[in-house]
Protein backbone atom coordinates (compact mmCIF):
# COMPACT_ATOMS: atom_id res chain seq x y z
CA MET A 1 -18.76 44.12 -9.24
CA PRO A 2 -19.69 40.85 -7.52
CA ASP A 3 -21.14 38.54 -10.16
CA VAL A 4 -22.17 35.26 -8.50
CA ARG A 5 -25.78 34.45 -9.37
CA LEU A 6 -27.99 32.72 -6.83
CA ALA A 7 -29.32 30.18 -9.35
CA SER A 8 -25.81 29.05 -10.33
CA PRO A 9 -24.08 26.05 -8.68
CA GLN A 10 -21.51 28.42 -7.17
CA GLY A 11 -24.28 30.59 -5.73
CA LYS A 12 -25.84 27.59 -4.00
CA TRP A 13 -22.46 26.58 -2.57
CA VAL A 14 -21.83 30.11 -1.25
CA LEU A 15 -25.25 30.13 0.41
CA LEU A 16 -24.69 26.67 1.95
CA THR A 17 -21.30 27.70 3.34
CA THR A 18 -22.54 30.88 4.98
CA VAL A 19 -25.62 29.18 6.45
CA LEU A 20 -23.52 26.36 7.94
CA GLY A 21 -20.96 28.77 9.38
CA SER A 22 -23.43 31.15 10.97
CA SER A 23 -25.58 28.28 12.26
CA MET A 24 -22.65 26.87 14.24
CA ALA A 25 -22.37 30.01 16.31
CA MET A 26 -26.12 30.64 16.57
CA LEU A 27 -26.89 27.10 17.75
CA ASP A 28 -24.21 27.08 20.42
CA SER A 29 -25.53 30.32 21.90
CA THR A 30 -28.96 28.73 22.52
CA VAL A 31 -28.47 24.97 22.82
CA VAL A 32 -25.96 25.11 25.67
CA ASN A 33 -28.60 26.48 28.07
CA VAL A 34 -30.60 23.25 27.70
CA ALA A 35 -27.53 21.16 28.55
CA LEU A 36 -26.54 23.06 31.71
CA PRO A 37 -28.18 20.81 34.36
CA ARG A 38 -26.58 17.70 32.87
CA ILE A 39 -23.21 19.43 32.55
CA GLY A 40 -23.44 20.45 36.20
CA ARG A 41 -24.17 16.90 37.34
CA ASP A 42 -21.55 15.22 35.17
CA LEU A 43 -18.74 17.65 36.01
CA ASP A 44 -19.87 18.27 39.61
CA ALA A 45 -20.06 21.99 38.82
CA ASN A 46 -21.69 24.66 40.98
CA LEU A 47 -23.92 27.47 39.72
CA SER A 48 -20.97 29.82 39.18
CA ALA A 49 -19.38 27.30 36.84
CA LEU A 50 -22.62 27.03 34.87
CA GLN A 51 -22.77 30.82 34.61
CA TRP A 52 -19.23 30.85 33.27
CA THR A 53 -20.07 28.07 30.80
CA VAL A 54 -22.46 30.55 29.20
CA ASN A 55 -20.57 33.78 29.84
CA ALA A 56 -17.04 32.75 28.88
CA TYR A 57 -18.32 32.39 25.31
CA MET A 58 -20.27 35.63 25.43
CA VAL A 59 -17.38 37.69 26.85
CA THR A 60 -15.00 36.96 23.99
CA LEU A 61 -17.74 37.06 21.35
CA ALA A 62 -19.15 40.41 22.47
CA GLY A 63 -15.71 41.92 23.05
CA LEU A 64 -14.20 40.88 19.72
CA ILE A 65 -17.06 40.81 17.20
CA LEU A 66 -16.35 44.33 15.91
CA LEU A 67 -12.67 43.48 15.47
CA GLY A 68 -13.67 40.27 13.67
CA GLY A 69 -15.62 42.25 11.08
CA ALA A 70 -12.74 44.67 10.59
CA LEU A 71 -10.23 41.84 10.14
CA GLY A 72 -12.42 40.35 7.42
CA ASP A 73 -12.57 43.66 5.59
CA SER A 74 -8.81 44.13 5.80
CA LEU A 75 -7.35 40.63 5.43
CA GLY A 76 -10.01 38.98 3.29
CA ARG A 77 -13.52 37.96 4.31
CA ARG A 78 -13.27 34.35 3.15
CA LYS A 79 -9.90 33.91 4.82
CA VAL A 80 -11.09 35.22 8.20
CA PHE A 81 -14.37 33.30 7.91
CA VAL A 82 -12.52 30.02 7.30
CA VAL A 83 -10.12 30.71 10.17
CA GLY A 84 -13.15 31.40 12.38
CA VAL A 85 -14.86 28.14 11.41
CA VAL A 86 -11.71 26.10 12.04
CA TRP A 87 -11.06 27.90 15.33
CA PHE A 88 -14.67 27.36 16.42
CA ALA A 89 -14.52 23.65 15.54
CA VAL A 90 -11.26 23.06 17.43
CA ALA A 91 -12.62 24.88 20.48
CA SER A 92 -15.83 22.83 20.20
CA LEU A 93 -13.76 19.65 20.22
CA LEU A 94 -12.03 20.85 23.39
CA CYS A 95 -15.45 21.53 24.95
CA GLY A 96 -16.61 18.06 24.01
CA ILE A 97 -13.68 16.29 25.66
CA ALA A 98 -13.33 18.63 28.66
CA PRO A 99 -12.57 16.58 31.79
CA ASN A 100 -13.73 19.26 34.21
CA ALA A 101 -15.55 22.58 34.42
CA GLY A 102 -12.37 24.67 34.26
CA VAL A 103 -11.30 23.22 30.92
CA LEU A 104 -14.84 23.57 29.58
CA ILE A 105 -14.98 27.24 30.53
CA ALA A 106 -11.59 27.95 28.92
CA ALA A 107 -12.68 26.15 25.74
CA ARG A 108 -15.92 28.13 25.68
CA ALA A 109 -13.90 31.36 25.78
CA LEU A 110 -11.91 30.11 22.78
CA GLN A 111 -15.20 29.29 21.05
CA GLY A 112 -16.23 32.91 21.45
CA VAL A 113 -13.09 34.05 19.62
CA GLY A 114 -13.98 31.79 16.71
CA GLY A 115 -17.55 33.05 16.78
CA ALA A 116 -16.33 36.66 16.60
CA LEU A 117 -14.43 35.80 13.42
CA LEU A 118 -17.13 33.83 11.60
CA THR A 119 -20.36 35.57 12.69
CA PRO A 120 -19.86 38.91 10.88
CA GLY A 121 -18.14 37.15 7.99
CA SER A 122 -21.08 34.97 6.96
CA LEU A 123 -23.34 37.87 5.96
CA ALA A 124 -20.43 39.92 4.61
CA LEU A 125 -19.55 37.09 2.21
CA ILE A 126 -23.08 37.10 0.80
CA GLN A 127 -23.04 40.84 0.31
CA ALA A 128 -19.62 40.78 -1.34
CA SER A 129 -20.18 37.69 -3.54
CA PHE A 130 -23.64 37.90 -5.06
CA HIS A 131 -24.74 40.01 -8.00
CA PRO A 132 -26.77 43.03 -6.78
CA ASP A 133 -29.90 41.67 -8.44
CA ASP A 134 -29.69 38.46 -6.38
CA ARG A 135 -28.28 39.85 -3.15
CA GLY A 136 -31.62 40.62 -1.50
CA ARG A 137 -32.97 37.11 -2.09
CA ALA A 138 -29.68 35.55 -0.93
CA VAL A 139 -29.77 37.53 2.32
CA GLY A 140 -33.41 36.53 2.81
CA LEU A 141 -32.60 32.84 2.29
CA TRP A 142 -29.58 33.10 4.59
CA SER A 143 -31.63 34.62 7.40
CA GLY A 144 -34.52 32.21 6.83
CA PHE A 145 -32.38 29.07 6.92
CA GLY A 146 -30.48 30.46 9.90
CA GLY A 147 -33.77 31.03 11.69
CA ILE A 148 -34.86 27.46 11.00
CA GLY A 149 -31.58 26.27 12.48
CA ALA A 150 -32.20 28.38 15.57
CA ALA A 151 -35.70 26.89 15.86
CA VAL A 152 -34.62 23.25 15.69
CA GLY A 153 -31.45 23.82 17.72
CA PRO A 154 -32.92 23.46 21.23
CA PHE A 155 -34.86 20.37 20.09
CA VAL A 156 -31.73 18.74 18.66
CA GLY A 157 -29.72 19.84 21.68
CA GLY A 158 -32.22 18.31 24.08
CA TRP A 159 -32.24 15.08 22.09
CA LEU A 160 -28.45 14.93 22.19
CA VAL A 161 -28.32 15.64 25.93
CA ASP A 162 -30.88 12.93 26.72
CA GLY A 163 -29.36 10.51 24.21
CA PRO A 164 -25.64 10.40 23.33
CA GLY A 165 -24.84 13.01 25.99
CA TRP A 166 -24.21 16.73 26.37
CA ARG A 167 -20.71 16.49 24.89
CA TRP A 168 -22.25 15.92 21.45
CA VAL A 169 -23.79 19.38 21.60
CA PHE A 170 -20.23 20.59 21.01
CA LEU A 171 -18.78 17.68 19.02
CA LEU A 172 -21.46 18.08 16.35
CA ASN A 173 -19.71 21.27 15.22
CA VAL A 174 -16.68 19.31 14.03
CA PRO A 175 -18.33 17.48 11.09
CA VAL A 176 -20.18 20.69 10.17
CA ALA A 177 -16.83 22.47 9.91
CA LEU A 178 -15.37 19.60 7.86
CA VAL A 179 -18.08 20.28 5.27
CA CYS A 180 -18.00 24.07 5.53
CA VAL A 181 -14.27 24.72 5.13
CA PRO A 182 -13.57 22.80 1.87
CA VAL A 183 -16.70 24.25 0.26
CA ALA A 184 -15.66 27.78 1.26
CA LEU A 185 -12.14 27.37 -0.09
CA ARG A 186 -13.36 25.90 -3.38
CA HIS A 187 -16.49 27.90 -4.17
CA VAL A 188 -16.54 31.20 -2.24
CA PRO A 189 -14.70 34.12 -3.91
CA GLU A 190 -12.37 36.18 -1.78
CA SER A 191 -13.29 39.78 -1.06
CA GLY A 192 -11.96 42.56 1.13
CA GLY A 193 -8.28 42.29 1.86
CA GLY A 194 -7.78 46.02 1.44
CA THR A 195 -9.44 46.11 -1.98
CA VAL A 196 -12.96 47.50 -1.65
CA ARG A 197 -14.94 47.67 -4.86
CA SER A 198 -16.85 50.84 -5.55
CA SER A 199 -20.14 48.90 -5.55
CA GLU A 200 -19.39 47.65 -2.06
CA ALA A 201 -18.67 51.14 -0.81
CA GLU A 202 -21.88 52.46 -2.32
CA SER A 203 -23.95 49.67 -0.75
CA GLY A 204 -22.37 49.95 2.66
CA GLY A 205 -20.00 47.02 2.25
CA GLN A 206 -17.04 49.15 3.28
CA ARG A 207 -17.17 49.14 7.02
CA ALA A 208 -16.39 52.48 8.55
CA HIS A 209 -14.53 51.26 11.55
CA GLY A 210 -11.02 50.60 12.74
CA ARG A 211 -8.96 48.09 10.85
CA PHE A 212 -6.78 46.70 13.61
CA ASP A 213 -7.93 48.29 16.84
CA VAL A 214 -6.56 45.37 18.85
CA LEU A 215 -6.02 47.46 21.98
CA GLY A 216 -9.63 48.61 21.96
CA ALA A 217 -10.89 45.06 21.47
CA VAL A 218 -8.71 43.70 24.28
CA LEU A 219 -9.75 46.47 26.68
CA GLY A 220 -13.43 45.93 25.87
CA ALA A 221 -13.24 42.18 26.39
CA LEU A 222 -11.16 42.64 29.56
CA ALA A 223 -13.71 45.07 31.02
CA LEU A 224 -16.55 42.63 30.33
CA ALA A 225 -14.62 39.70 31.78
CA LEU A 226 -13.59 41.47 34.99
CA VAL A 227 -17.02 42.95 35.71
CA THR A 228 -18.65 39.60 34.96
CA TYR A 229 -16.25 37.86 37.34
CA ALA A 230 -17.01 40.36 40.07
CA LEU A 231 -20.77 39.86 39.66
CA ILE A 232 -20.61 36.06 39.59
CA GLU A 233 -18.27 35.78 42.56
CA ALA A 234 -19.75 38.67 44.58
CA GLY A 235 -21.72 36.30 46.80
CA GLY A 236 -18.48 35.10 48.36
CA GLY A 237 -17.12 38.62 48.88
CA GLY A 238 -13.42 39.16 49.43
CA ALA A 239 -10.69 41.43 48.16
CA VAL A 240 -10.36 39.62 44.81
CA VAL A 241 -13.95 40.47 43.91
CA ALA A 242 -13.49 44.14 44.82
CA VAL A 243 -10.23 44.38 42.88
CA SER A 244 -11.86 42.72 39.85
CA ALA A 245 -14.75 45.19 39.93
CA VAL A 246 -12.46 48.21 40.16
CA ALA A 247 -10.14 46.83 37.46
CA GLY A 248 -13.12 46.13 35.18
CA LEU A 249 -14.39 49.69 35.52
CA ALA A 250 -10.87 51.02 34.92
CA ALA A 251 -10.60 48.91 31.75
CA ALA A 252 -13.94 50.31 30.58
CA VAL A 253 -12.73 53.88 31.14
CA ALA A 254 -9.48 53.08 29.33
CA PHE A 255 -11.47 51.60 26.42
CA VAL A 256 -13.45 54.84 26.03
CA ALA A 257 -10.26 56.90 26.23
CA VAL A 258 -8.50 54.78 23.62
CA GLU A 259 -11.45 54.95 21.24
CA ARG A 260 -11.57 58.75 21.59
CA ARG A 261 -7.89 59.17 20.73
CA ARG A 262 -7.42 56.63 17.91
CA PRO A 263 -7.65 58.06 14.39
CA ASP A 264 -9.56 54.98 13.18
CA PRO A 265 -11.21 53.39 16.24
CA MET A 266 -13.14 50.15 16.40
CA MET A 267 -16.12 51.99 17.96
CA PRO A 268 -16.00 55.68 17.00
CA PRO A 269 -17.53 57.73 19.84
CA ASP A 270 -19.03 60.19 17.37
CA ILE A 271 -21.52 57.57 16.17
CA PHE A 272 -23.35 58.10 19.46
CA ALA A 273 -23.94 61.73 18.50
CA SER A 274 -27.12 60.41 16.92
CA ARG A 275 -29.77 60.61 19.65
CA GLN A 276 -31.82 57.96 17.91
CA PHE A 277 -28.88 55.55 17.68
CA THR A 278 -28.04 56.01 21.34
CA ALA A 279 -31.66 55.57 22.42
CA VAL A 280 -32.15 52.37 20.43
CA ASN A 281 -28.97 50.91 21.89
CA LEU A 282 -30.24 51.69 25.39
CA VAL A 283 -33.46 49.88 24.49
CA THR A 284 -31.33 47.02 23.21
CA LEU A 285 -29.44 46.80 26.50
CA CYS A 286 -32.69 46.59 28.49
CA VAL A 287 -34.39 44.11 26.16
CA TYR A 288 -31.52 41.70 25.67
CA ALA A 289 -30.48 41.77 29.32
CA ALA A 290 -33.98 40.52 30.11
CA LEU A 291 -34.02 37.97 27.28
CA GLY A 292 -30.52 36.69 28.07
CA GLY A 293 -31.42 36.19 31.71
CA PHE A 294 -34.74 34.60 30.82
CA PHE A 295 -33.41 31.96 28.43
CA PHE A 296 -30.57 31.07 30.82
CA LEU A 297 -32.93 30.55 33.76
CA ALA A 298 -35.99 29.20 31.92
CA ALA A 299 -34.18 26.10 30.66
CA LEU A 300 -33.06 25.43 34.25
CA GLN A 301 -36.52 26.14 35.70
CA LEU A 302 -38.23 23.69 33.36
CA GLN A 303 -35.77 20.92 34.20
CA VAL A 304 -34.96 21.55 37.86
CA VAL A 305 -38.39 22.64 39.12
CA VAL A 306 -41.01 21.38 36.65
CA GLY A 307 -39.17 18.11 36.02
CA TYR A 308 -38.81 18.24 32.23
CA SER A 309 -36.14 16.26 30.41
CA ALA A 310 -33.61 18.21 28.36
CA LEU A 311 -35.50 17.30 25.18
CA ALA A 312 -38.82 18.44 26.64
CA ALA A 313 -37.30 21.70 27.89
CA GLY A 314 -35.72 22.47 24.52
CA THR A 315 -38.95 21.69 22.70
CA ALA A 316 -41.00 23.73 25.16
CA LEU A 317 -39.12 26.92 24.26
CA LEU A 318 -39.69 26.57 20.50
CA PRO A 319 -42.81 28.79 20.23
CA THR A 320 -40.83 32.03 20.65
CA THR A 321 -38.49 31.21 17.77
CA VAL A 322 -41.27 29.89 15.53
CA LEU A 323 -43.29 33.07 16.02
CA MET A 324 -40.29 35.17 15.09
CA LEU A 325 -39.70 33.17 11.92
CA LEU A 326 -43.34 33.39 10.85
CA LEU A 327 -44.13 37.00 11.73
CA SER A 328 -40.94 39.09 11.81
CA ALA A 329 -41.26 40.18 8.19
CA ARG A 330 -44.82 41.42 8.74
CA SER A 331 -43.72 43.18 11.89
CA GLY A 332 -41.02 44.98 9.91
CA GLU A 333 -43.53 46.04 7.29
CA LEU A 334 -45.93 47.34 9.96
CA ALA A 335 -43.13 49.35 11.56
CA ASP A 336 -42.39 50.85 8.13
CA ARG A 337 -45.93 52.18 7.98
CA ILE A 338 -46.41 53.43 11.53
CA GLY A 339 -42.82 54.13 12.58
CA PRO A 340 -40.67 52.35 15.19
CA ARG A 341 -41.83 54.16 18.32
CA ILE A 342 -44.98 52.12 18.94
CA PRO A 343 -43.41 48.69 18.19
CA LEU A 344 -40.38 49.46 20.36
CA THR A 345 -42.71 50.50 23.19
CA VAL A 346 -45.34 47.77 22.90
CA GLY A 347 -42.86 44.95 22.16
CA PRO A 348 -40.92 45.19 25.45
CA LEU A 349 -44.19 45.53 27.39
CA LEU A 350 -45.50 42.31 25.81
CA CYS A 351 -42.22 40.58 26.68
CA ALA A 352 -42.55 41.83 30.26
CA ALA A 353 -46.09 40.43 30.44
CA GLY A 354 -44.82 37.08 29.15
CA MET A 355 -42.16 36.94 31.84
CA LEU A 356 -44.67 37.78 34.56
CA LEU A 357 -46.85 34.94 33.26
CA MET A 358 -43.85 32.66 33.86
CA LEU A 359 -44.48 33.16 37.58
CA ARG A 360 -47.16 30.49 37.15
CA VAL A 361 -44.55 27.95 36.03
CA GLY A 362 -43.64 25.94 39.11
CA PRO A 363 -43.88 22.38 40.43
CA GLY A 364 -46.60 20.49 38.59
CA ALA A 365 -47.13 23.26 36.02
CA SER A 366 -49.15 22.39 32.93
CA TYR A 367 -47.49 23.15 29.60
CA ALA A 368 -50.73 24.08 27.84
CA ALA A 369 -52.15 26.18 30.69
CA ASP A 370 -49.01 27.71 32.22
CA VAL A 371 -45.88 27.49 30.05
CA LEU A 372 -47.28 27.94 26.54
CA PRO A 373 -49.31 31.13 27.18
CA ALA A 374 -46.26 32.82 28.70
CA LEU A 375 -44.06 31.85 25.77
CA LEU A 376 -46.64 32.94 23.20
CA VAL A 377 -46.93 36.39 24.76
CA LEU A 378 -43.14 36.63 25.03
CA GLY A 379 -42.76 35.54 21.40
CA LEU A 380 -45.27 38.11 20.19
CA GLY A 381 -43.33 40.78 22.05
CA MET A 382 -40.08 39.69 20.40
CA VAL A 383 -41.76 39.64 16.99
CA THR A 384 -43.02 43.17 17.57
CA LEU A 385 -39.66 44.68 18.47
CA VAL A 386 -36.76 42.81 16.79
CA ALA A 387 -37.18 43.85 13.13
CA PRO A 388 -38.03 47.50 13.96
CA LEU A 389 -35.09 47.66 16.35
CA THR A 390 -32.64 46.56 13.65
CA ALA A 391 -34.18 48.84 11.03
CA THR A 392 -34.08 51.82 13.38
CA VAL A 393 -30.43 51.23 14.26
CA LEU A 394 -29.53 51.21 10.58
CA GLY A 395 -31.73 54.19 9.79
CA SER A 396 -30.09 56.34 12.45
CA VAL A 397 -26.66 56.44 10.75
CA SER A 398 -25.33 56.97 7.24
CA VAL A 399 -25.41 54.02 4.84
CA VAL A 400 -21.63 53.57 4.87
CA ARG A 401 -21.77 53.09 8.65
CA ALA A 402 -24.56 50.49 8.59
CA GLY A 403 -22.21 47.57 9.24
CA LEU A 404 -20.58 49.39 12.15
CA ALA A 405 -23.94 50.39 13.64
CA SER A 406 -25.27 46.86 13.41
CA GLY A 407 -22.08 45.44 14.90
CA ILE A 408 -22.25 47.81 17.89
CA ASN A 409 -25.92 46.98 18.42
CA ASN A 410 -25.22 43.24 18.24
CA ALA A 411 -22.29 43.51 20.64
CA ALA A 412 -24.39 45.60 23.06
CA ALA A 413 -27.09 42.93 23.06
CA ARG A 414 -24.61 40.14 23.80
CA ALA A 415 -22.90 42.17 26.52
CA ALA A 416 -26.28 42.88 28.13
CA GLY A 417 -27.13 39.18 28.09
CA LEU A 418 -23.89 38.11 29.73
CA MET A 419 -24.25 40.77 32.43
CA ALA A 420 -27.76 39.53 33.18
CA VAL A 421 -26.56 35.93 33.47
CA ALA A 422 -23.87 37.14 35.87
CA ALA A 423 -26.06 39.47 37.94
CA LEU A 424 -29.44 37.74 38.30
CA PRO A 425 -28.29 34.92 40.62
CA LEU A 426 -26.69 37.59 42.83
CA LEU A 427 -29.80 39.81 42.81
CA THR A 428 -32.14 36.90 43.57
CA GLY A 429 -30.05 35.22 46.25
CA MET A 430 -29.29 32.00 44.37
CA GLY A 431 -26.75 29.90 46.20
CA GLU A 432 -24.03 27.85 44.51
CA GLU A 433 -26.17 24.70 44.79
CA ALA A 434 -29.50 26.36 43.91
CA TYR A 435 -29.97 24.40 40.69
CA ARG A 436 -29.88 21.19 42.76
CA GLU A 437 -32.60 22.46 45.13
CA PRO A 438 -35.94 22.84 43.27
CA ALA A 439 -37.74 24.88 45.96
CA ALA A 440 -34.89 27.39 46.35
CA PHE A 441 -34.45 27.72 42.59
CA ASP A 442 -38.18 28.27 42.06
CA THR A 443 -38.21 31.15 44.56
CA ALA A 444 -35.17 32.78 42.96
CA PHE A 445 -36.60 32.29 39.46
CA ASP A 446 -39.75 34.21 40.39
CA LYS A 447 -37.63 37.09 41.66
CA ALA A 448 -35.56 37.01 38.48
CA MET A 449 -38.67 37.29 36.31
CA GLY A 450 -39.58 40.43 38.23
CA TRP A 451 -36.14 41.94 37.53
CA CYS A 452 -36.36 41.00 33.83
CA ALA A 453 -39.84 42.47 33.50
CA GLY A 454 -38.62 45.67 35.15
CA ALA A 455 -35.75 46.00 32.67
CA LEU A 456 -38.20 45.59 29.79
CA VAL A 457 -40.48 48.29 31.16
CA VAL A 458 -37.50 50.65 31.36
CA GLY A 459 -36.68 49.87 27.72
CA ALA A 460 -40.28 50.59 26.71
CA LEU A 461 -40.20 53.95 28.52
CA ILE A 462 -36.96 54.94 26.77
CA ALA A 463 -38.46 54.05 23.39
CA ALA A 464 -41.65 55.98 24.09
CA ALA A 465 -39.73 59.06 25.21
CA VAL A 466 -36.93 59.23 22.64
CA VAL A 467 -37.41 57.04 19.55
CA ARG A 468 -38.92 58.81 16.53
CA ARG A 469 -39.77 57.91 12.94
CA PRO A 470 -36.69 57.85 10.66
CA PRO A 471 -36.51 60.23 7.67
CA PRO A 472 -38.75 59.37 4.69
CA ASP A 473 -35.79 58.26 2.54
CA CYS A 474 -34.42 55.91 5.21
CA LYS A 475 -33.57 52.41 4.04
CA ARG A 476 -34.49 49.27 5.93
CA PRO A 477 -32.80 45.86 6.16
CA GLU A 478 -33.63 42.78 4.16
CA CYS A 479 -32.83 40.38 7.00
CA LEU A 480 -36.27 40.26 8.61
CA ARG A 481 -36.84 36.51 9.02
CA HIS A 482 -34.85 36.26 12.20
CA GLY A 483 -34.92 33.37 14.64
CA GLY A 484 -32.12 34.17 17.06
CA VAL A 485 -33.04 34.97 20.64
CA THR A 486 -29.73 36.13 22.11
CA ALA A 487 -29.04 39.15 19.87
CA PRO A 488 -30.60 41.16 17.04
CA PRO A 489 -29.65 40.15 13.50
CA LEU A 490 -26.17 41.24 12.48
CA GLU A 491 -27.15 43.31 9.47
CA GLY A 492 -24.66 45.01 7.22
CA GLU A 493 -26.53 46.34 4.23
CA PRO A 494 -29.81 48.23 4.23
CA VAL A 495 -30.84 48.35 0.59
CA ARG A 496 -34.61 48.62 0.32
CA LYS A 497 -36.40 51.90 0.76
CA ARG A 498 -39.10 52.21 3.32
CA VAL A 499 -42.62 51.68 2.10
CA GLY A 500 -44.88 54.71 2.31
């Protein structure tokens, strides 16, 4: 049985290590958006290169995050977590010294591999290390501190971009890793590695997914990469784009076929036999496609069109994260009482209203009258839906599959976001130099908000039609204080019974 107590010095070190590790990946997924205009100017990069700066990271992260969790379970969670932190730091260093856009994009892809190793490992270490009596509070502190990091991230990122320069957005990860790795090696107990304690299995710590489904992971990442390439480069046309699209679809079909035939697949197809699980993942795709596209374009809109500095743009987007930190727990409790159907219907509709309010944000827009109301409505929508979405995903499968279900849901959200970043410029007619032309970008941004709002309405309709209240004995997650905006919380252990 794990015996580390939260009040002990070792418990505090374990908590510090996991917060630092998870914050590295969470910050990079949000802060980079604020730095994009400056990166484009300094590296003379076109819009496609900026899309790839975001998506190269998301492709490898989304494609490999399930494999990263399985590797931790099989080889040792601390070992894989430390490798992920080191990998992420080295890739961040390469990003920080990149001489051109091509090197930056390649380094971002490597960053995603590191993120796939450390992101699932941070929460798994808490679950495997702490005494059961302290585990709930440790998870709550982990999610709370992580949310605070997500809230201050865009502010710090904007300050770095306007001050020392955008390269420090990446270089800052190196000293964080230099603190994180020695602490992990000295204070965090090893777990996993093929030895799963009975208490872990009972609590859901034993992940019911493939141990080394490398072929499945490679095919999934390849499908995402090829389809993303085809969408980003589709404006130029040509045979290469068509071949990439066909090859991406073929890789996706091969991925499904491989997962059906493997005895222990990374993503077992039978998990989708649950109608509730499938429905909530469809809602996730709609919601996080819209949110991923919004946060990519909003940071550009505020800087390119409204004229904000990077610091002002990063600070302007804080209300959504702050609202999630303050109100997510209450939202989860409300969903426990009334069921998830209403929150998962109303939440996306509020988000859609917030994005339509962003149509008022153009040249000369007032923050108080135009930007803030839109972000407050959007934030309230996110508060309403994120905790119930996670709880419903976990409640739709057996306890021993909670980690797998959460991992699939998290990967689906990230894949939806990267597809939106790839597709929205194509759908709205953004040219390669659009982010250098305020009037053209403003027009395309308005069209993009319409597409995002439409996706959210579709998600609300799916929730209203299919999602139902979980069984009375369903358990809900402890990780409710969530501040991330690019994906739902990666939750591995539902341990508290629903109230009422």
